[in-house]
Amino acid sequence: MLGQLLTVWTIRLALSLYVAWLAGWLCTRGPRWAVVARWLWTAGCVLFVVHVACAFHFYHHWSHAAAWEDTAEQTQALLGVAFGNGIYFSYVFLVLWVLDVLWMWSVADPLKTPWPRLLVHLLLFFIAFNGAIVFEAGPTRPAGIVAFLALAVLAIRAAYLLWQSKETAPQAAFPTPDS
């Protein structure tokens, strides 16, 4: 029971911090946000690492083969096709998030976002969306839908503000709509 609670709640909290970070990234550009962003992003990443460790310990007994098989069973039940290689998306998500946290702490201005980092975040978003909505049931799915719809509204707002600011003066590239 404890293992199940730890596994479920570490991912819920990690994804909540992920959503909070994305919302702030789309809306906020002040120097105070840079400090908060680093800590939100880092805490979310740490929780995700703990989630992966809990899943491997309590569910897969530290076996990649067991994790692969479980992933195949889940995709078979959901999509009708056994696809265990989906576990590699979780591995990629883990590695990219850790690397992004390291990058964020290594730069003076974590609010500047080079285009390769945008690609990383698109991939992270895709994986988080699938993990929280497509492959999840229970209260996580509706909460995920609400969170992702809110993020979509914020992204549209950020794009609109960027477009509007380009009408009046040259500005930096997305995602800095308030600059």
N, C-alpha and C. Protein backbone atom coordinates (compact mmCIF):
# COMPACT_ATOMS: atom_id res chain seq x y z
N MET A 1 0.83 -1.20 0.00
CA MET A 1 0.00 0.00 0.00
C MET A 1 0.87 1.26 0.00
N LEU A 2 1.91 1.29 0.83
CA LEU A 2 2.80 2.44 0.89
C LEU A 2 3.50 2.64 -0.46
N GLY A 3 3.92 1.53 -1.06
CA GLY A 3 4.58 1.62 -2.36
C GLY A 3 3.67 2.20 -3.43
N GLN A 4 2.42 1.79 -3.41
CA GLN A 4 1.46 2.31 -4.37
C GLN A 4 1.23 3.80 -4.15
N LEU A 5 1.06 4.20 -2.90
CA LEU A 5 0.86 5.62 -2.59
C LEU A 5 2.06 6.47 -2.98
N LEU A 6 3.25 5.99 -2.66
CA LEU A 6 4.46 6.73 -3.03
C LEU A 6 4.58 6.87 -4.55
N THR A 7 4.32 5.78 -5.25
CA THR A 7 4.45 5.80 -6.71
C THR A 7 3.43 6.75 -7.34
N VAL A 8 2.20 6.66 -6.89
CA VAL A 8 1.13 7.50 -7.47
C VAL A 8 1.32 8.97 -7.10
N TRP A 9 1.59 9.26 -5.84
CA TRP A 9 1.65 10.66 -5.43
C TRP A 9 2.92 11.37 -5.87
N THR A 10 4.03 10.63 -6.04
CA THR A 10 5.23 11.32 -6.55
C THR A 10 5.01 11.77 -7.99
N ILE A 11 4.31 10.96 -8.80
CA ILE A 11 4.07 11.40 -10.18
C ILE A 11 3.03 12.50 -10.22
N ARG A 12 2.02 12.42 -9.39
CA ARG A 12 1.01 13.49 -9.37
C ARG A 12 1.64 14.82 -8.98
N LEU A 13 2.47 14.79 -7.95
CA LEU A 13 3.13 16.03 -7.53
C LEU A 13 4.14 16.52 -8.57
N ALA A 14 4.88 15.59 -9.16
CA ALA A 14 5.84 15.97 -10.20
C ALA A 14 5.13 16.64 -11.38
N LEU A 15 4.02 16.05 -11.82
CA LEU A 15 3.28 16.64 -12.93
C LEU A 15 2.62 17.95 -12.54
N SER A 16 2.20 18.08 -11.29
CA SER A 16 1.64 19.36 -10.83
C SER A 16 2.70 20.45 -10.90
N LEU A 17 3.91 20.15 -10.47
CA LEU A 17 5.00 21.13 -10.54
C LEU A 17 5.38 21.41 -12.00
N TYR A 18 5.31 20.38 -12.83
CA TYR A 18 5.57 20.56 -14.26
C TYR A 18 4.56 21.54 -14.86
N VAL A 19 3.29 21.36 -14.54
CA VAL A 19 2.24 22.25 -15.04
C VAL A 19 2.43 23.67 -14.49
N ALA A 20 2.75 23.77 -13.20
CA ALA A 20 2.98 25.10 -12.60
C ALA A 20 4.15 25.79 -13.28
N TRP A 21 5.19 25.05 -13.57
CA TRP A 21 6.35 25.63 -14.24
C TRP A 21 5.97 26.09 -15.65
N LEU A 22 5.26 25.23 -16.39
CA LEU A 22 4.85 25.62 -17.74
C LEU A 22 3.95 26.85 -17.72
N ALA A 23 3.03 26.90 -16.78
CA ALA A 23 2.13 28.06 -16.68
C ALA A 23 2.94 29.32 -16.40
N GLY A 24 3.87 29.24 -15.48
CA GLY A 24 4.73 30.39 -15.19
C GLY A 24 5.59 30.77 -16.38
N TRP A 25 6.09 29.78 -17.08
CA TRP A 25 6.94 30.01 -18.25
C TRP A 25 6.16 30.75 -19.34
N LEU A 26 4.89 30.42 -19.46
CA LEU A 26 4.05 31.06 -20.47
C LEU A 26 3.57 32.45 -20.05
N CYS A 27 3.57 32.75 -18.75
CA CYS A 27 2.97 33.99 -18.26
C CYS A 27 3.93 34.98 -17.63
N THR A 28 5.03 34.54 -17.10
CA THR A 28 5.84 35.38 -16.22
C THR A 28 7.25 35.53 -16.76
N ARG A 29 7.79 36.72 -16.61
CA ARG A 29 9.15 36.97 -17.06
C ARG A 29 10.01 37.76 -16.07
N GLY A 30 9.52 38.03 -14.89
CA GLY A 30 10.27 38.83 -13.93
C GLY A 30 11.44 38.08 -13.33
N PRO A 31 12.37 38.82 -12.70
CA PRO A 31 13.54 38.17 -12.11
C PRO A 31 13.17 37.23 -10.96
N ARG A 32 12.11 37.54 -10.25
CA ARG A 32 11.67 36.65 -9.17
C ARG A 32 11.23 35.31 -9.74
N TRP A 33 10.61 35.33 -10.91
CA TRP A 33 10.18 34.09 -11.53
C TRP A 33 11.36 33.19 -11.85
N ALA A 34 12.49 33.76 -12.25
CA ALA A 34 13.67 32.95 -12.57
C ALA A 34 14.07 32.09 -11.37
N VAL A 35 14.02 32.66 -10.18
CA VAL A 35 14.37 31.92 -8.96
C VAL A 35 13.33 30.84 -8.69
N VAL A 36 12.06 31.22 -8.74
CA VAL A 36 10.98 30.27 -8.48
C VAL A 36 11.00 29.16 -9.52
N ALA A 37 11.22 29.52 -10.78
CA ALA A 37 11.22 28.54 -11.87
C ALA A 37 12.27 27.46 -11.65
N ARG A 38 13.47 27.87 -11.28
CA ARG A 38 14.52 26.88 -11.04
C ARG A 38 14.10 25.88 -9.96
N TRP A 39 13.53 26.39 -8.88
CA TRP A 39 13.16 25.50 -7.78
C TRP A 39 11.96 24.63 -8.12
N LEU A 40 10.96 25.18 -8.80
CA LEU A 40 9.82 24.38 -9.23
C LEU A 40 10.27 23.24 -10.15
N TRP A 41 11.08 23.60 -11.12
CA TRP A 41 11.54 22.66 -12.12
C TRP A 41 12.39 21.56 -11.48
N THR A 42 13.25 21.96 -10.56
CA THR A 42 14.11 21.00 -9.87
C THR A 42 13.30 20.07 -8.97
N ALA A 43 12.38 20.64 -8.21
CA ALA A 43 11.55 19.82 -7.31
C ALA A 43 10.71 18.83 -8.11
N GLY A 44 10.13 19.28 -9.21
CA GLY A 44 9.36 18.38 -10.06
C GLY A 44 10.21 17.25 -10.60
N CYS A 45 11.42 17.56 -11.02
CA CYS A 45 12.34 16.56 -11.55
C CYS A 45 12.71 15.55 -10.46
N VAL A 46 13.03 16.04 -9.28
CA VAL A 46 13.38 15.14 -8.17
C VAL A 46 12.21 14.21 -7.87
N LEU A 47 11.01 14.74 -7.84
CA LEU A 47 9.84 13.90 -7.60
C LEU A 47 9.65 12.86 -8.70
N PHE A 48 9.95 13.24 -9.94
CA PHE A 48 9.83 12.27 -11.03
C PHE A 48 10.88 11.17 -10.88
N VAL A 49 12.10 11.52 -10.50
CA VAL A 49 13.13 10.52 -10.27
C VAL A 49 12.69 9.57 -9.15
N VAL A 50 12.12 10.12 -8.10
CA VAL A 50 11.61 9.28 -7.00
C VAL A 50 10.47 8.39 -7.50
N HIS A 51 9.61 8.93 -8.34
CA HIS A 51 8.51 8.14 -8.92
C HIS A 51 9.06 6.95 -9.70
N VAL A 52 10.03 7.19 -10.55
CA VAL A 52 10.62 6.10 -11.34
C VAL A 52 11.25 5.06 -10.42
N ALA A 53 11.97 5.52 -9.40
CA ALA A 53 12.58 4.58 -8.45
C ALA A 53 11.50 3.77 -7.73
N CYS A 54 10.42 4.42 -7.31
CA CYS A 54 9.31 3.71 -6.65
C CYS A 54 8.67 2.70 -7.59
N ALA A 55 8.43 3.09 -8.83
CA ALA A 55 7.81 2.18 -9.79
C ALA A 55 8.70 0.96 -10.02
N PHE A 56 9.99 1.20 -10.17
CA PHE A 56 10.90 0.07 -10.39
C PHE A 56 11.03 -0.79 -9.14
N HIS A 57 11.02 -0.18 -7.98
CA HIS A 57 11.17 -0.95 -6.75
C HIS A 57 9.89 -1.73 -6.40
N PHE A 58 8.77 -1.03 -6.35
CA PHE A 58 7.54 -1.64 -5.87
C PHE A 58 6.77 -2.43 -6.92
N TYR A 59 6.93 -2.10 -8.20
CA TYR A 59 6.15 -2.76 -9.24
C TYR A 59 6.97 -3.68 -10.13
N HIS A 60 8.19 -3.29 -10.44
CA HIS A 60 8.98 -4.03 -11.43
C HIS A 60 10.18 -4.75 -10.82
N HIS A 61 10.39 -4.60 -9.53
CA HIS A 61 11.47 -5.28 -8.81
C HIS A 61 12.83 -5.08 -9.49
N TRP A 62 13.06 -3.86 -9.92
CA TRP A 62 14.30 -3.40 -10.55
C TRP A 62 14.62 -4.17 -11.83
N SER A 63 13.58 -4.58 -12.55
CA SER A 63 13.75 -5.34 -13.79
C SER A 63 13.22 -4.53 -14.96
N HIS A 64 14.12 -4.23 -15.90
CA HIS A 64 13.70 -3.55 -17.13
C HIS A 64 12.72 -4.43 -17.90
N ALA A 65 12.98 -5.73 -17.91
CA ALA A 65 12.10 -6.66 -18.63
C ALA A 65 10.68 -6.63 -18.06
N ALA A 66 10.56 -6.57 -16.75
CA ALA A 66 9.24 -6.49 -16.12
C ALA A 66 8.56 -5.16 -16.46
N ALA A 67 9.32 -4.07 -16.47
CA ALA A 67 8.77 -2.76 -16.84
C ALA A 67 8.32 -2.77 -18.30
N TRP A 68 9.13 -3.38 -19.16
CA TRP A 68 8.80 -3.47 -20.58
C TRP A 68 7.49 -4.26 -20.75
N GLU A 69 7.40 -5.39 -20.05
CA GLU A 69 6.20 -6.24 -20.15
C GLU A 69 4.96 -5.51 -19.62
N ASP A 70 5.10 -4.81 -18.52
CA ASP A 70 3.98 -4.05 -17.96
C ASP A 70 3.52 -2.97 -18.94
N THR A 71 4.46 -2.30 -19.56
CA THR A 71 4.14 -1.28 -20.56
C THR A 71 3.42 -1.91 -21.75
N ALA A 72 3.88 -3.07 -22.18
CA ALA A 72 3.24 -3.77 -23.30
C ALA A 72 1.80 -4.15 -22.94
N GLU A 73 1.60 -4.63 -21.71
CA GLU A 73 0.25 -5.00 -21.27
C GLU A 73 -0.68 -3.78 -21.21
N GLN A 74 -0.15 -2.67 -20.73
CA GLN A 74 -0.97 -1.46 -20.65
C GLN A 74 -1.37 -0.96 -22.04
N THR A 75 -0.42 -0.95 -22.97
CA THR A 75 -0.76 -0.48 -24.33
C THR A 75 -1.68 -1.48 -25.02
N GLN A 76 -1.52 -2.76 -24.75
CA GLN A 76 -2.42 -3.78 -25.31
C GLN A 76 -3.85 -3.54 -24.82
N ALA A 77 -3.99 -3.29 -23.52
CA ALA A 77 -5.32 -3.06 -22.95
C ALA A 77 -5.95 -1.78 -23.47
N LEU A 78 -5.14 -0.77 -23.69
CA LEU A 78 -5.67 0.53 -24.10
C LEU A 78 -5.82 0.67 -25.61
N LEU A 79 -4.80 0.23 -26.35
CA LEU A 79 -4.79 0.47 -27.79
C LEU A 79 -4.98 -0.79 -28.64
N GLY A 80 -4.95 -1.95 -27.98
CA GLY A 80 -5.09 -3.19 -28.73
C GLY A 80 -3.80 -3.69 -29.35
N VAL A 81 -2.70 -3.03 -29.07
CA VAL A 81 -1.39 -3.41 -29.60
C VAL A 81 -0.41 -3.45 -28.44
N ALA A 82 0.28 -4.57 -28.29
CA ALA A 82 1.29 -4.68 -27.23
C ALA A 82 2.54 -3.94 -27.68
N PHE A 83 2.87 -2.86 -26.98
CA PHE A 83 4.04 -2.05 -27.35
C PHE A 83 4.84 -1.75 -26.08
N GLY A 84 5.74 -2.65 -25.75
CA GLY A 84 6.56 -2.47 -24.56
C GLY A 84 7.63 -1.41 -24.71
N ASN A 85 7.97 -1.09 -25.94
CA ASN A 85 9.02 -0.08 -26.17
C ASN A 85 8.60 1.31 -25.70
N GLY A 86 7.34 1.46 -25.34
CA GLY A 86 6.90 2.73 -24.77
C GLY A 86 7.64 3.07 -23.49
N ILE A 87 8.21 2.07 -22.82
CA ILE A 87 8.99 2.32 -21.61
C ILE A 87 10.16 3.25 -21.91
N TYR A 88 10.65 3.19 -23.14
CA TYR A 88 11.78 4.05 -23.50
C TYR A 88 11.39 5.52 -23.50
N PHE A 89 10.11 5.82 -23.74
CA PHE A 89 9.65 7.21 -23.64
C PHE A 89 9.80 7.72 -22.21
N SER A 90 9.52 6.85 -21.26
CA SER A 90 9.70 7.24 -19.85
C SER A 90 11.18 7.48 -19.55
N TYR A 91 12.04 6.63 -20.10
CA TYR A 91 13.48 6.82 -19.89
C TYR A 91 13.95 8.14 -20.51
N VAL A 92 13.47 8.41 -21.72
CA VAL A 92 13.85 9.66 -22.40
C VAL A 92 13.34 10.85 -21.59
N PHE A 93 12.12 10.77 -21.11
CA PHE A 93 11.55 11.85 -20.30
C PHE A 93 12.43 12.10 -19.08
N LEU A 94 12.83 11.04 -18.41
CA LEU A 94 13.67 11.16 -17.22
C LEU A 94 15.00 11.82 -17.54
N VAL A 95 15.67 11.34 -18.56
CA VAL A 95 16.98 11.88 -18.92
C VAL A 95 16.87 13.34 -19.36
N LEU A 96 15.88 13.64 -20.20
CA LEU A 96 15.73 15.02 -20.67
C LEU A 96 15.41 15.98 -19.54
N TRP A 97 14.56 15.56 -18.62
CA TRP A 97 14.21 16.45 -17.51
C TRP A 97 15.43 16.71 -16.63
N VAL A 98 16.18 15.66 -16.33
CA VAL A 98 17.40 15.85 -15.51
C VAL A 98 18.38 16.76 -16.23
N LEU A 99 18.60 16.54 -17.52
CA LEU A 99 19.53 17.39 -18.27
C LEU A 99 19.03 18.83 -18.33
N ASP A 100 17.73 19.01 -18.47
CA ASP A 100 17.19 20.37 -18.52
C ASP A 100 17.36 21.08 -17.18
N VAL A 101 17.19 20.36 -16.09
CA VAL A 101 17.42 20.96 -14.77
C VAL A 101 18.89 21.37 -14.65
N LEU A 102 19.79 20.50 -15.07
CA LEU A 102 21.22 20.84 -15.01
C LEU A 102 21.51 22.07 -15.88
N TRP A 103 20.91 22.12 -17.06
CA TRP A 103 21.10 23.28 -17.93
C TRP A 103 20.58 24.54 -17.24
N MET A 104 19.39 24.43 -16.65
CA MET A 104 18.76 25.59 -16.03
C MET A 104 19.62 26.18 -14.91
N TRP A 105 20.29 25.30 -14.15
CA TRP A 105 21.14 25.77 -13.05
C TRP A 105 22.50 26.26 -13.55
N SER A 106 22.85 25.95 -14.80
CA SER A 106 24.17 26.32 -15.32
C SER A 106 24.17 27.66 -16.05
N VAL A 107 23.00 28.21 -16.34
CA VAL A 107 22.93 29.46 -17.10
C VAL A 107 22.56 30.62 -16.19
N ALA A 108 22.99 31.79 -16.58
CA ALA A 108 22.70 32.98 -15.78
C ALA A 108 21.22 33.37 -15.88
N ASP A 109 20.64 33.24 -17.06
CA ASP A 109 19.25 33.62 -17.25
C ASP A 109 18.44 32.41 -17.73
N PRO A 110 17.80 31.70 -16.80
CA PRO A 110 17.05 30.51 -17.19
C PRO A 110 15.78 30.81 -17.96
N LEU A 111 15.43 32.08 -18.09
CA LEU A 111 14.23 32.43 -18.83
C LEU A 111 14.47 32.49 -20.33
N LYS A 112 15.72 32.63 -20.73
CA LYS A 112 16.03 32.58 -22.16
C LYS A 112 15.92 31.13 -22.60
N THR A 113 15.26 30.93 -23.71
CA THR A 113 14.99 29.58 -24.16
C THR A 113 15.47 29.39 -25.59
N PRO A 114 16.64 28.77 -25.76
CA PRO A 114 17.10 28.49 -27.13
C PRO A 114 16.19 27.46 -27.80
N TRP A 115 16.15 27.47 -29.12
CA TRP A 115 15.20 26.62 -29.84
C TRP A 115 15.38 25.13 -29.56
N PRO A 116 16.61 24.60 -29.33
CA PRO A 116 16.67 23.17 -29.01
C PRO A 116 15.93 22.84 -27.71
N ARG A 117 15.92 23.78 -26.78
CA ARG A 117 15.21 23.56 -25.53
C ARG A 117 13.69 23.52 -25.78
N LEU A 118 13.22 24.31 -26.73
CA LEU A 118 11.80 24.24 -27.10
C LEU A 118 11.44 22.85 -27.61
N LEU A 119 12.33 22.26 -28.41
CA LEU A 119 12.09 20.91 -28.90
C LEU A 119 12.03 19.90 -27.75
N VAL A 120 12.93 20.06 -26.79
CA VAL A 120 12.93 19.20 -25.61
C VAL A 120 11.59 19.33 -24.89
N HIS A 121 11.12 20.56 -24.73
CA HIS A 121 9.88 20.77 -24.00
C HIS A 121 8.66 20.28 -24.77
N LEU A 122 8.70 20.33 -26.08
CA LEU A 122 7.61 19.74 -26.86
C LEU A 122 7.55 18.23 -26.64
N LEU A 123 8.71 17.59 -26.61
CA LEU A 123 8.75 16.15 -26.36
C LEU A 123 8.30 15.83 -24.94
N LEU A 124 8.79 16.60 -23.97
CA LEU A 124 8.36 16.39 -22.58
C LEU A 124 6.85 16.56 -22.45
N PHE A 125 6.32 17.58 -23.10
CA PHE A 125 4.88 17.83 -23.05
C PHE A 125 4.10 16.66 -23.64
N PHE A 126 4.55 16.17 -24.77
CA PHE A 126 3.89 15.04 -25.43
C PHE A 126 3.87 13.81 -24.51
N ILE A 127 5.00 13.52 -23.89
CA ILE A 127 5.09 12.35 -23.01
C ILE A 127 4.23 12.56 -21.76
N ALA A 128 4.29 13.76 -21.18
CA ALA A 128 3.48 14.04 -19.98
C ALA A 128 1.99 13.95 -20.31
N PHE A 129 1.59 14.47 -21.46
CA PHE A 129 0.19 14.40 -21.87
C PHE A 129 -0.27 12.95 -21.95
N ASN A 130 0.52 12.13 -22.61
CA ASN A 130 0.15 10.72 -22.75
C ASN A 130 0.14 10.01 -21.40
N GLY A 131 1.13 10.32 -20.56
CA GLY A 131 1.20 9.68 -19.25
C GLY A 131 0.07 10.09 -18.32
N ALA A 132 -0.34 11.34 -18.40
CA ALA A 132 -1.36 11.85 -17.47
C ALA A 132 -2.78 11.68 -17.97
N ILE A 133 -2.96 11.59 -19.27
CA ILE A 133 -4.32 11.56 -19.81
C ILE A 133 -4.61 10.26 -20.57
N VAL A 134 -3.77 9.92 -21.53
CA VAL A 134 -4.06 8.77 -22.37
C VAL A 134 -3.94 7.46 -21.59
N PHE A 135 -2.84 7.29 -20.86
CA PHE A 135 -2.58 6.03 -20.17
C PHE A 135 -2.97 6.05 -18.70
N GLU A 136 -3.63 7.05 -18.24
CA GLU A 136 -4.00 7.16 -16.82
C GLU A 136 -5.50 7.15 -16.68
N ALA A 137 -5.96 6.61 -15.57
CA ALA A 137 -7.39 6.59 -15.28
C ALA A 137 -7.59 7.23 -13.91
N GLY A 138 -8.82 7.22 -13.45
CA GLY A 138 -9.10 7.77 -12.13
C GLY A 138 -9.03 9.28 -12.14
N PRO A 139 -8.79 9.88 -10.98
CA PRO A 139 -8.83 11.34 -10.85
C PRO A 139 -7.70 12.05 -11.60
N THR A 140 -6.65 11.33 -11.93
CA THR A 140 -5.53 11.96 -12.63
C THR A 140 -5.93 12.39 -14.04
N ARG A 141 -6.74 11.59 -14.71
CA ARG A 141 -7.14 11.93 -16.08
C ARG A 141 -7.92 13.25 -16.16
N PRO A 142 -9.03 13.42 -15.40
CA PRO A 142 -9.73 14.70 -15.50
C PRO A 142 -8.88 15.88 -15.03
N ALA A 143 -8.08 15.67 -14.00
CA ALA A 143 -7.19 16.75 -13.55
C ALA A 143 -6.19 17.08 -14.64
N GLY A 144 -5.69 16.07 -15.32
CA GLY A 144 -4.76 16.29 -16.43
C GLY A 144 -5.41 17.03 -17.58
N ILE A 145 -6.63 16.67 -17.89
CA ILE A 145 -7.35 17.35 -18.98
C ILE A 145 -7.53 18.83 -18.65
N VAL A 146 -7.96 19.11 -17.43
CA VAL A 146 -8.14 20.52 -17.02
C VAL A 146 -6.81 21.26 -17.09
N ALA A 147 -5.74 20.64 -16.58
CA ALA A 147 -4.43 21.29 -16.57
C ALA A 147 -3.95 21.57 -18.00
N PHE A 148 -4.08 20.59 -18.88
CA PHE A 148 -3.61 20.78 -20.24
C PHE A 148 -4.47 21.77 -21.03
N LEU A 149 -5.77 21.83 -20.75
CA LEU A 149 -6.61 22.85 -21.38
C LEU A 149 -6.21 24.25 -20.89
N ALA A 150 -5.94 24.37 -19.60
CA ALA A 150 -5.48 25.66 -19.06
C ALA A 150 -4.16 26.06 -19.70
N LEU A 151 -3.26 25.10 -19.86
CA LEU A 151 -1.97 25.40 -20.52
C LEU A 151 -2.18 25.80 -21.98
N ALA A 152 -3.14 25.18 -22.64
CA ALA A 152 -3.43 25.55 -24.03
C ALA A 152 -3.91 26.99 -24.10
N VAL A 153 -4.77 27.40 -23.18
CA VAL A 153 -5.25 28.78 -23.14
C VAL A 153 -4.08 29.73 -22.90
N LEU A 154 -3.21 29.38 -21.96
CA LEU A 154 -2.03 30.23 -21.69
C LEU A 154 -1.09 30.30 -22.89
N ALA A 155 -0.94 29.19 -23.59
CA ALA A 155 -0.07 29.18 -24.78
C ALA A 155 -0.66 30.06 -25.88
N ILE A 156 -1.97 29.99 -26.06
CA ILE A 156 -2.63 30.85 -27.06
C ILE A 156 -2.47 32.32 -26.66
N ARG A 157 -2.64 32.60 -25.38
CA ARG A 157 -2.45 33.97 -24.89
C ARG A 157 -1.02 34.45 -25.13
N ALA A 158 -0.04 33.58 -24.83
CA ALA A 158 1.37 33.95 -25.04
C ALA A 158 1.66 34.20 -26.52
N ALA A 159 1.11 33.35 -27.38
CA ALA A 159 1.30 33.53 -28.82
C ALA A 159 0.65 34.83 -29.29
N TYR A 160 -0.54 35.11 -28.78
CA TYR A 160 -1.23 36.35 -29.14
C TYR A 160 -0.43 37.57 -28.68
N LEU A 161 0.07 37.55 -27.46
CA LEU A 161 0.87 38.67 -26.96
C LEU A 161 2.15 38.84 -27.77
N LEU A 162 2.75 37.74 -28.16
CA LEU A 162 3.95 37.81 -29.00
C LEU A 162 3.60 38.43 -30.35
N TRP A 163 2.52 37.96 -30.95
CA TRP A 163 2.09 38.49 -32.24
C TRP A 163 1.78 39.98 -32.11
N GLN A 164 1.08 40.35 -31.04
CA GLN A 164 0.72 41.74 -30.82
C GLN A 164 1.97 42.61 -30.62
N SER A 165 2.94 42.09 -29.87
CA SER A 165 4.16 42.87 -29.63
C SER A 165 4.98 43.03 -30.91
N LYS A 166 4.91 42.07 -31.80
CA LYS A 166 5.64 42.17 -33.06
C LYS A 166 5.01 43.21 -33.98
N GLU A 167 3.74 43.49 -33.76
CA GLU A 167 3.06 44.52 -34.53
C GLU A 167 3.58 45.91 -34.18
N THR A 168 4.03 46.07 -32.93
CA THR A 168 4.44 47.40 -32.47
C THR A 168 5.94 47.61 -32.45
N ALA A 169 6.71 46.55 -32.19
CA ALA A 169 8.17 46.69 -32.13
C ALA A 169 8.82 45.33 -32.28
N PRO A 170 10.07 45.31 -32.75
CA PRO A 170 10.76 44.02 -32.84
C PRO A 170 11.01 43.45 -31.45
N GLN A 171 10.76 42.16 -31.30
CA GLN A 171 10.90 41.49 -30.00
C GLN A 171 11.71 40.22 -30.15
N ALA A 172 12.02 39.62 -29.00
CA ALA A 172 12.74 38.35 -28.99
C ALA A 172 11.81 37.24 -29.45
N ALA A 173 12.40 36.10 -29.80
CA ALA A 173 11.63 34.96 -30.28
C ALA A 173 10.85 34.30 -29.15
N PHE A 174 9.79 33.61 -29.52
CA PHE A 174 8.97 32.86 -28.56
C PHE A 174 9.89 31.97 -27.76
N PRO A 175 9.71 31.74 -26.49
CA PRO A 175 8.54 32.02 -25.71
C PRO A 175 8.76 33.15 -24.72
N THR A 176 8.98 34.34 -25.20
CA THR A 176 9.08 35.49 -24.31
C THR A 176 8.04 36.53 -24.70
N PRO A 177 6.75 36.21 -24.52
CA PRO A 177 5.70 37.11 -24.99
C PRO A 177 5.64 38.43 -24.25
N ASP A 178 6.18 38.49 -23.04
CA ASP A 178 6.09 39.73 -22.27
C ASP A 178 7.32 40.61 -22.42
N SER A 179 8.27 40.21 -23.24
CA SER A 179 9.49 41.01 -23.37
C SER A 179 9.36 42.10 -24.41
